[in-house]
Amino acid sequence: MADSSVMTAPHPTNTIGDHPVGAHRLHQPRRAVLAVGEVILAVGLVVLAVWLWRTGVLRDELPTGEGESRVLLRYVGDRLALSVGAGCLAGVLLLDSIRQFTLAIRTRPRPEPLFGPVPPPS
């Protein structure tokens, strides 16, 4: 049999003008430090991706019988895959740093309307 105390517990009332209890927990200035750290990490991942891509394409020159040389390109798949993965992770980190920086900027609550709270549309 289910415990009925969970269903009969009183719920706090919320009027239109009240802010929810944890409404401003997301907006913290220390998130800007995290955003800067993510940007630095993303730049490092882009540098790593470029280095992996350049070392993933190998160039070989083979001499032919006429005194010319033929250029062959070999692709190292694991390095190219790691390069693409590092680039994608850098992009995700940049998007998250934009979100963190936006949350760090908006630390003040919005002012109440001049004529009191606006009722929700019915």
C-alpha atoms as a PDB file:
ATOM      1  CA  MET A   1       0.000   0.000   0.000  1.00  0.00           C
ATOM      2  CA  ALA A   2       1.327   3.441  -0.905  1.00  0.00           C
ATOM      3  CA  ASP A   3       2.275   5.953   1.746  1.00  0.00           C
ATOM      4  CA  SER A   4      -0.431   8.634   1.764  1.00  0.00           C
ATOM      5  CA  SER A   5       1.697  11.218   3.601  1.00  0.00           C
ATOM      6  CA  VAL A   6       3.444  12.113   0.358  1.00  0.00           C
ATOM      7  CA  MET A   7       0.210  13.000  -1.370  1.00  0.00           C
ATOM      8  CA  THR A   8      -1.264  14.965   1.521  1.00  0.00           C
ATOM      9  CA  ALA A   9       1.801  17.100   2.238  1.00  0.00           C
ATOM     10  CA  PRO A  10       1.016  20.821   1.947  1.00  0.00           C
ATOM     11  CA  HIS A  11       2.406  22.502  -1.140  1.00  0.00           C
ATOM     12  CA  PRO A  12       3.658  26.075  -0.932  1.00  0.00           C
ATOM     13  CA  THR A  13       1.481  28.530  -2.758  1.00  0.00           C
ATOM     14  CA  ASN A  14       3.025  30.580  -5.522  1.00  0.00           C
ATOM     15  CA  THR A  15       1.453  33.854  -6.525  1.00  0.00           C
ATOM     16  CA  ILE A  16       2.136  35.585  -9.805  1.00  0.00           C
ATOM     17  CA  GLY A  17       4.660  38.098  -8.415  1.00  0.00           C
ATOM     18  CA  ASP A  18       6.670  35.640  -6.313  1.00  0.00           C
ATOM     19  CA  HIS A  19       9.973  34.326  -7.616  1.00  0.00           C
ATOM     20  CA  PRO A  20      10.570  30.596  -7.272  1.00  0.00           C
ATOM     21  CA  VAL A  21      12.902  29.615  -4.465  1.00  0.00           C
ATOM     22  CA  GLY A  22      15.933  28.630  -6.611  1.00  0.00           C
ATOM     23  CA  ALA A  23      15.345  31.091  -9.441  1.00  0.00           C
ATOM     24  CA  HIS A  24      18.648  32.961  -9.112  1.00  0.00           C
ATOM     25  CA  ARG A  25      20.931  29.999  -8.427  1.00  0.00           C
ATOM     26  CA  LEU A  26      21.865  29.815 -12.110  1.00  0.00           C
ATOM     27  CA  HIS A  27      22.981  33.422 -12.336  1.00  0.00           C
ATOM     28  CA  GLN A  28      26.330  33.530 -10.560  1.00  0.00           C
ATOM     29  CA  PRO A  29      29.305  35.747 -11.448  1.00  0.00           C
ATOM     30  CA  ARG A  30      31.797  32.922 -10.853  1.00  0.00           C
ATOM     31  CA  ARG A  31      30.513  31.283 -14.024  1.00  0.00           C
ATOM     32  CA  ALA A  32      32.570  33.830 -15.995  1.00  0.00           C
ATOM     33  CA  VAL A  33      35.756  32.178 -14.707  1.00  0.00           C
ATOM     34  CA  LEU A  34      34.473  28.821 -15.923  1.00  0.00           C
ATOM     35  CA  ALA A  35      33.627  30.356 -19.312  1.00  0.00           C
ATOM     36  CA  VAL A  36      37.164  31.729 -19.690  1.00  0.00           C
ATOM     37  CA  GLY A  37      38.583  28.329 -18.782  1.00  0.00           C
ATOM     38  CA  GLU A  38      36.397  26.645 -21.391  1.00  0.00           C
ATOM     39  CA  VAL A  39      37.527  29.110 -24.073  1.00  0.00           C
ATOM     40  CA  ILE A  40      41.188  28.413 -23.242  1.00  0.00           C
ATOM     41  CA  LEU A  41      40.553  24.678 -23.381  1.00  0.00           C
ATOM     42  CA  ALA A  42      38.721  25.056 -26.705  1.00  0.00           C
ATOM     43  CA  VAL A  43      41.654  26.974 -28.205  1.00  0.00           C
ATOM     44  CA  GLY A  44      43.994  24.212 -27.049  1.00  0.00           C
ATOM     45  CA  LEU A  45      41.729  21.595 -28.637  1.00  0.00           C
ATOM     46  CA  VAL A  46      41.713  23.496 -31.946  1.00  0.00           C
ATOM     47  CA  VAL A  47      45.530  23.609 -31.917  1.00  0.00           C
ATOM     48  CA  LEU A  48      45.555  19.874 -31.174  1.00  0.00           C
ATOM     49  CA  ALA A  49      43.073  19.211 -33.993  1.00  0.00           C
ATOM     50  CA  VAL A  50      45.215  21.102 -36.520  1.00  0.00           C
ATOM     51  CA  TRP A  51      48.359  19.273 -35.408  1.00  0.00           C
ATOM     52  CA  LEU A  52      46.608  15.890 -35.605  1.00  0.00           C
ATOM     53  CA  TRP A  53      45.268  16.664 -39.081  1.00  0.00           C
ATOM     54  CA  ARG A  54      48.690  17.694 -40.371  1.00  0.00           C
ATOM     55  CA  THR A  55      50.336  14.574 -38.982  1.00  0.00           C
ATOM     56  CA  GLY A  56      47.470  12.409 -40.265  1.00  0.00           C
ATOM     57  CA  VAL A  57      48.240  13.132 -43.923  1.00  0.00           C
ATOM     58  CA  LEU A  58      51.597  11.655 -44.953  1.00  0.00           C
ATOM     59  CA  ARG A  59      53.273  12.684 -48.207  1.00  0.00           C
ATOM     60  CA  ASP A  60      55.586  10.232 -49.993  1.00  0.00           C
ATOM     61  CA  GLU A  61      57.535  10.830 -53.194  1.00  0.00           C
ATOM     62  CA  LEU A  62      58.369   7.840 -55.350  1.00  0.00           C
ATOM     63  CA  PRO A  63      60.888   8.175 -58.183  1.00  0.00           C
ATOM     64  CA  THR A  64      59.809   6.978 -61.612  1.00  0.00           C
ATOM     65  CA  GLY A  65      62.027   5.705 -64.420  1.00  0.00           C
ATOM     66  CA  GLU A  66      62.052   9.026 -66.343  1.00  0.00           C
ATOM     67  CA  GLY A  67      63.719  11.045 -63.571  1.00  0.00           C
ATOM     68  CA  GLU A  68      60.404  12.412 -62.290  1.00  0.00           C
ATOM     69  CA  SER A  69      58.830  11.685 -58.956  1.00  0.00           C
ATOM     70  CA  ARG A  70      55.285  10.708 -58.177  1.00  0.00           C
ATOM     71  CA  VAL A  71      53.640  12.108 -55.036  1.00  0.00           C
ATOM     72  CA  LEU A  72      51.557   9.744 -52.928  1.00  0.00           C
ATOM     73  CA  LEU A  73      49.347  10.793 -50.049  1.00  0.00           C
ATOM     74  CA  ARG A  74      48.610   8.367 -47.218  1.00  0.00           C
ATOM     75  CA  TYR A  75      45.884   9.074 -44.700  1.00  0.00           C
ATOM     76  CA  VAL A  76      46.212   7.848 -41.120  1.00  0.00           C
ATOM     77  CA  GLY A  77      42.623   7.286 -40.081  1.00  0.00           C
ATOM     78  CA  ASP A  78      42.977   7.326 -36.314  1.00  0.00           C
ATOM     79  CA  ARG A  79      44.719  10.705 -36.305  1.00  0.00           C
ATOM     80  CA  LEU A  80      42.145  12.209 -38.661  1.00  0.00           C
ATOM     81  CA  ALA A  81      39.320  10.847 -36.509  1.00  0.00           C
ATOM     82  CA  LEU A  82      40.907  12.272 -33.360  1.00  0.00           C
ATOM     83  CA  SER A  83      41.309  15.586 -35.156  1.00  0.00           C
ATOM     84  CA  VAL A  84      37.624  15.719 -36.051  1.00  0.00           C
ATOM     85  CA  GLY A  85      36.679  14.700 -32.506  1.00  0.00           C
ATOM     86  CA  ALA A  86      38.871  17.397 -30.975  1.00  0.00           C
ATOM     87  CA  GLY A  87      37.356  20.000 -33.289  1.00  0.00           C
ATOM     88  CA  CYS A  88      33.810  18.949 -32.383  1.00  0.00           C
ATOM     89  CA  LEU A  89      34.608  19.008 -28.671  1.00  0.00           C
ATOM     90  CA  ALA A  90      36.084  22.488 -29.075  1.00  0.00           C
ATOM     91  CA  GLY A  91      32.846  23.648 -30.694  1.00  0.00           C
ATOM     92  CA  VAL A  92      30.736  22.231 -27.867  1.00  0.00           C
ATOM     93  CA  LEU A  93      32.993  23.909 -25.300  1.00  0.00           C
ATOM     94  CA  LEU A  94      32.647  27.251 -27.091  1.00  0.00           C
ATOM     95  CA  LEU A  95      28.859  26.957 -27.065  1.00  0.00           C
ATOM     96  CA  ASP A  96      28.876  26.097 -23.367  1.00  0.00           C
ATOM     97  CA  SER A  97      31.213  28.994 -22.599  1.00  0.00           C
ATOM     98  CA  ILE A  98      28.747  31.368 -24.280  1.00  0.00           C
ATOM     99  CA  ARG A  99      25.984  29.940 -22.078  1.00  0.00           C
ATOM    100  CA  GLN A 100      28.107  30.218 -18.926  1.00  0.00           C
ATOM    101  CA  PHE A 101      29.111  33.792 -19.730  1.00  0.00           C
ATOM    102  CA  THR A 102      25.489  34.757 -20.378  1.00  0.00           C
ATOM    103  CA  LEU A 103      24.461  33.297 -17.037  1.00  0.00           C
ATOM    104  CA  ALA A 104      27.317  35.129 -15.313  1.00  0.00           C
ATOM    105  CA  ILE A 105      26.271  38.505 -16.718  1.00  0.00           C
ATOM    106  CA  ARG A 106      22.613  38.341 -15.747  1.00  0.00           C
ATOM    107  CA  THR A 107      22.991  38.396 -11.964  1.00  0.00           C
ATOM    108  CA  ARG A 108      20.303  40.954 -11.123  1.00  0.00           C
ATOM    109  CA  PRO A 109      16.640  39.972 -11.024  1.00  0.00           C
ATOM    110  CA  ARG A 110      14.358  41.699 -13.454  1.00  0.00           C
ATOM    111  CA  PRO A 111      12.405  44.622 -11.980  1.00  0.00           C
ATOM    112  CA  GLU A 112       8.722  44.185 -11.319  1.00  0.00           C
ATOM    113  CA  PRO A 113       6.356  45.883 -13.780  1.00  0.00           C
ATOM    114  CA  LEU A 114       5.274  49.409 -12.904  1.00  0.00           C
ATOM    115  CA  PHE A 115       1.634  48.454 -12.341  1.00  0.00           C
ATOM    116  CA  GLY A 116       2.166  45.166 -10.483  1.00  0.00           C
ATOM    117  CA  PRO A 117       2.511  41.615 -11.771  1.00  0.00           C
ATOM    118  CA  VAL A 118       0.881  40.793 -15.075  1.00  0.00           C
ATOM    119  CA  PRO A 119      -1.549  37.865 -14.838  1.00  0.00           C
ATOM    120  CA  PRO A 120      -0.872  34.901 -17.114  1.00  0.00           C
ATOM    121  CA  PRO A 121      -2.941  34.665 -20.285  1.00  0.00           C
ATOM    122  CA  SER A 122      -6.053  32.568 -19.908  1.00  0.00           C
END
